[in-house]
Amino acid sequence: MSKPETPFDFERSLKTVSSFSFIHKYLPADRYIVRPPAALLVRAVLGTSVTPNQLTVASFLLGLAGGLVYLGGTPLFFALAGCLVMLSTIFDSADGMLARTKNMASRFGAYLDLFLDRIADFAVLLGMSFGYSFYVQDVRYLVFGLLTIGLYFLQVCLYYVVSIYKGQDKSGEGAEAKSLVVFIIFVLSFFSRLDALLLMVFLLSVVSLIGRTIRFARRARGPAAPPSH
């Protein structure tokens, strides 16, 4: 007798998070734009041998493809790249939903997701920077893009440093914020406004760096979390 198929419950497949409450309440792009097609994907693969980690790798490859397509440097390539980045995010959401539905969630899977996501982020931002500089024939946009990439990954590093200091494990906590940013990327890519996208990432990174530095400085006088062995 074959094993009965695991029933899919959309609400139970979502991860409960406490961060980004403002975005979760007022700008729920993740729940209403990304999660519905991700749920369709989960339903399609639920009765197959497809694993959450395979969806994670597929999301990564789609993200890399999006970064490469941005290098085409034309409005058509930008629009196609935006679609690939959006599709990558849908797969990225589906992996966790499938893992929770099948009770296959694991620490390795969560960190594989984080590991590959950061590489994909780098590829997409790098592709945008080069692609837009090709499009407008202005190397200043490439320089600005590279500066933006540096600031973005600096604030990401500080985020994880602070999380470790506080003894927190927040893998997957930023889904709402990421989905909102990707949706904006998707829309602006169709209008070839990669300059606006890079400016948005630059400003968000600067604000995040300042905020994290201030919050960490305020905690400096308090007791540190015990070191992890």
Protein backbone atom coordinates (compact mmCIF):
# COMPACT_ATOMS: atom_id res chain seq x y z
CA MET A 1 0.00 0.00 0.00
CA SER A 2 1.41 3.41 -0.96
CA LYS A 3 1.99 5.98 1.72
CA PRO A 4 -0.85 8.57 1.83
CA GLU A 5 0.08 11.95 0.45
CA THR A 6 0.82 14.65 3.02
CA PRO A 7 -2.05 17.16 2.96
CA PHE A 8 -1.11 20.72 2.09
CA ASP A 9 -2.26 23.47 4.45
CA PHE A 10 -1.33 26.96 3.25
CA GLU A 11 -1.48 28.58 6.69
CA ARG A 12 0.59 25.88 8.38
CA SER A 13 3.17 26.03 5.59
CA LEU A 14 3.97 29.65 6.42
CA LYS A 15 6.73 30.51 8.86
CA THR A 16 5.75 32.62 11.85
CA VAL A 17 8.15 35.53 12.25
CA SER A 18 8.36 38.45 14.62
CA SER A 19 10.65 40.77 12.66
CA PHE A 20 9.57 43.35 10.09
CA SER A 21 6.13 43.69 11.73
CA PHE A 22 5.38 46.96 9.89
CA ILE A 23 6.04 45.35 6.50
CA HIS A 24 4.13 42.24 7.54
CA LYS A 25 1.10 44.34 8.50
CA TYR A 26 1.01 47.09 5.87
CA LEU A 27 3.07 45.84 2.91
CA PRO A 28 2.50 42.06 2.87
CA ALA A 29 3.99 41.38 -0.56
CA ASP A 30 5.29 38.02 0.64
CA ARG A 31 1.90 36.67 1.72
CA TYR A 32 -0.23 37.98 -1.13
CA ILE A 33 2.14 38.12 -4.11
CA VAL A 34 4.91 35.55 -3.56
CA ARG A 35 3.32 32.87 -1.39
CA PRO A 36 0.24 32.05 -3.56
CA PRO A 37 2.30 30.98 -6.63
CA ALA A 38 4.78 29.30 -4.26
CA ALA A 39 1.86 27.32 -2.82
CA LEU A 40 0.90 26.18 -6.34
CA LEU A 41 4.47 24.99 -6.85
CA VAL A 42 4.40 23.10 -3.55
CA ARG A 43 1.12 21.43 -4.50
CA ALA A 44 2.62 20.42 -7.86
CA VAL A 45 5.65 18.68 -6.31
CA LEU A 46 4.11 17.47 -3.06
CA GLY A 47 3.43 13.95 -4.29
CA THR A 48 6.81 13.61 -6.00
CA SER A 49 10.34 12.89 -4.80
CA VAL A 50 11.33 16.57 -5.07
CA THR A 51 12.96 17.76 -1.84
CA PRO A 52 13.06 21.23 -0.26
CA ASN A 53 16.82 21.43 -0.84
CA GLN A 54 16.28 20.78 -4.55
CA LEU A 55 13.91 23.74 -4.69
CA THR A 56 16.57 25.79 -2.88
CA VAL A 57 19.13 24.91 -5.54
CA ALA A 58 16.61 25.68 -8.31
CA SER A 59 15.97 29.09 -6.73
CA PHE A 60 19.72 29.71 -6.64
CA LEU A 61 20.17 28.80 -10.31
CA LEU A 62 17.27 31.06 -11.32
CA GLY A 63 18.84 33.91 -9.36
CA LEU A 64 22.19 33.36 -11.08
CA ALA A 65 20.42 33.29 -14.45
CA GLY A 66 18.71 36.58 -13.62
CA GLY A 67 22.06 38.19 -12.79
CA LEU A 68 23.54 36.97 -16.07
CA VAL A 69 20.56 38.18 -18.13
CA TYR A 70 20.88 41.70 -16.67
CA LEU A 71 24.25 41.82 -18.42
CA GLY A 72 22.39 41.97 -21.74
CA GLY A 73 22.07 45.70 -21.17
CA THR A 74 18.74 46.28 -22.99
CA PRO A 75 15.15 46.83 -21.76
CA LEU A 76 14.13 43.37 -23.01
CA PHE A 77 16.94 41.70 -21.08
CA PHE A 78 16.09 43.75 -17.97
CA ALA A 79 12.44 42.65 -18.10
CA LEU A 80 13.41 39.00 -18.58
CA ALA A 81 15.92 39.22 -15.72
CA GLY A 82 13.25 40.72 -13.46
CA CYS A 83 10.97 37.75 -14.23
CA LEU A 84 13.78 35.31 -13.40
CA VAL A 85 14.51 37.05 -10.10
CA MET A 86 10.82 36.95 -9.19
CA LEU A 87 10.61 33.28 -10.12
CA SER A 88 13.72 32.63 -8.02
CA THR A 89 11.99 34.19 -5.01
CA ILE A 90 8.89 32.06 -5.55
CA PHE A 91 11.06 28.92 -5.51
CA ASP A 92 12.89 30.31 -2.47
CA SER A 93 9.58 30.61 -0.62
CA ALA A 94 8.35 27.22 -1.80
CA ASP A 95 11.33 25.33 -0.35
CA GLY A 96 10.46 26.25 3.22
CA MET A 97 6.74 25.68 2.65
CA LEU A 98 7.46 22.22 1.29
CA ALA A 99 9.82 21.45 4.18
CA ARG A 100 7.20 22.42 6.77
CA THR A 101 4.45 20.51 4.95
CA LYS A 102 6.55 17.33 4.75
CA ASN A 103 8.13 17.83 8.19
CA MET A 104 11.53 17.94 6.50
CA ALA A 105 12.75 21.24 7.94
CA SER A 106 16.39 21.06 9.01
CA ARG A 107 19.15 23.34 10.21
CA PHE A 108 21.24 22.42 7.18
CA GLY A 109 18.38 23.29 4.83
CA ALA A 110 17.89 26.67 6.49
CA TYR A 111 21.58 27.54 6.20
CA LEU A 112 21.87 26.16 2.67
CA ASP A 113 19.10 28.61 1.81
CA LEU A 114 20.98 31.51 3.44
CA PHE A 115 24.28 30.49 1.85
CA LEU A 116 22.94 30.29 -1.70
CA ASP A 117 20.68 33.34 -1.30
CA ARG A 118 23.63 35.60 -0.54
CA ILE A 119 25.50 34.36 -3.62
CA ALA A 120 22.40 34.95 -5.75
CA ASP A 121 22.00 38.44 -4.26
CA PHE A 122 25.56 39.23 -5.28
CA ALA A 123 25.00 37.93 -8.82
CA VAL A 124 21.81 39.95 -9.28
CA LEU A 125 23.27 43.22 -7.96
CA LEU A 126 26.46 42.74 -9.97
CA GLY A 127 24.47 42.00 -13.11
CA MET A 128 22.35 45.11 -12.55
CA SER A 129 25.42 47.28 -12.07
CA PHE A 130 27.18 46.13 -15.22
CA GLY A 131 24.00 45.86 -17.29
CA TYR A 132 22.78 49.36 -16.54
CA SER A 133 26.22 50.88 -17.13
CA PHE A 134 26.22 49.15 -20.55
CA TYR A 135 22.70 50.46 -21.22
CA VAL A 136 23.46 54.13 -20.47
CA GLN A 137 27.13 53.96 -21.52
CA ASP A 138 28.22 55.56 -18.26
CA VAL A 139 30.83 53.90 -16.05
CA ARG A 140 29.72 55.98 -13.07
CA TYR A 141 26.72 53.70 -12.63
CA LEU A 142 29.05 50.72 -12.42
CA VAL A 143 31.11 52.43 -9.71
CA PHE A 144 27.94 53.32 -7.82
CA GLY A 145 26.67 49.77 -8.20
CA LEU A 146 29.87 48.28 -6.81
CA LEU A 147 29.71 50.69 -3.86
CA THR A 148 26.11 49.65 -3.28
CA ILE A 149 27.06 45.97 -3.33
CA GLY A 150 29.78 46.62 -0.76
CA LEU A 151 27.42 48.49 1.57
CA TYR A 152 24.70 45.87 1.16
CA PHE A 153 26.96 42.99 2.15
CA LEU A 154 28.51 45.00 4.98
CA GLN A 155 25.10 45.49 6.56
CA VAL A 156 24.31 41.80 6.01
CA CYS A 157 27.52 40.84 7.83
CA LEU A 158 26.69 43.17 10.71
CA TYR A 159 23.18 41.72 10.88
CA TYR A 160 24.58 38.24 11.47
CA VAL A 161 27.26 39.51 13.86
CA VAL A 162 24.58 41.16 16.01
CA SER A 163 22.36 38.07 15.80
CA ILE A 164 25.23 35.87 17.03
CA TYR A 165 26.03 38.37 19.79
CA LYS A 166 22.41 38.27 20.94
CA GLY A 167 22.33 34.48 20.73
CA GLN A 168 19.56 34.53 18.13
CA ASP A 169 18.91 32.30 15.15
CA LYS A 170 16.81 34.26 12.68
CA SER A 171 17.19 32.21 9.53
CA GLY A 172 14.20 32.96 7.33
CA GLU A 173 13.05 35.98 9.35
CA GLY A 174 13.38 38.47 6.49
CA ALA A 175 10.97 36.90 4.01
CA GLU A 176 8.49 39.80 4.06
CA ALA A 177 11.17 42.43 3.48
CA LYS A 178 12.94 40.41 0.79
CA SER A 179 9.73 39.68 -1.09
CA LEU A 180 8.78 43.35 -1.08
CA VAL A 181 12.20 44.36 -2.44
CA VAL A 182 12.07 41.64 -5.12
CA PHE A 183 8.60 42.74 -6.18
CA ILE A 184 9.93 46.30 -6.60
CA ILE A 185 12.87 44.89 -8.59
CA PHE A 186 10.41 42.96 -10.76
CA VAL A 187 8.33 46.08 -11.52
CA LEU A 188 11.19 48.54 -12.07
CA SER A 189 13.06 46.08 -14.30
CA PHE A 190 10.19 46.38 -16.80
CA PHE A 191 10.77 50.15 -16.89
CA SER A 192 14.57 49.78 -17.17
CA ARG A 193 15.02 51.80 -13.97
CA LEU A 194 17.91 49.83 -12.56
CA ASP A 195 19.41 53.12 -11.42
CA ALA A 196 16.43 53.57 -9.09
CA LEU A 197 16.83 49.98 -7.87
CA LEU A 198 20.49 50.48 -7.04
CA LEU A 199 19.70 53.76 -5.30
CA MET A 200 17.00 52.04 -3.26
CA VAL A 201 19.40 49.28 -2.16
CA PHE A 202 22.07 51.89 -1.40
CA LEU A 203 19.76 53.96 0.81
CA LEU A 204 18.32 50.92 2.59
CA SER A 205 21.85 49.67 3.27
CA VAL A 206 22.96 53.02 4.67
CA VAL A 207 19.91 53.27 6.93
CA SER A 208 20.40 49.69 8.07
CA LEU A 209 24.10 50.25 8.82
CA ILE A 210 23.35 53.33 10.89
CA GLY A 211 20.50 51.64 12.74
CA ARG A 212 22.44 48.49 13.53
CA THR A 213 25.46 50.48 14.72
CA ILE A 214 23.33 52.60 17.04
CA ARG A 215 21.46 49.59 18.46
CA PHE A 216 24.69 47.66 18.99
CA ALA A 217 26.30 50.64 20.72
CA ARG A 218 23.34 50.86 23.09
CA ARG A 219 23.77 47.20 23.96
CA ALA A 220 27.49 47.61 24.62
CA ARG A 221 26.89 48.42 28.27
CA GLY A 222 24.67 45.38 28.81
CA PRO A 223 25.81 41.80 29.44
CA ALA A 224 26.93 39.95 26.32
CA ALA A 225 25.34 36.69 25.31
CA PRO A 226 27.39 33.64 26.35
CA PRO A 227 29.83 32.51 23.65
CA SER A 228 28.73 29.59 21.50
CA HIS A 229 30.99 26.52 21.50
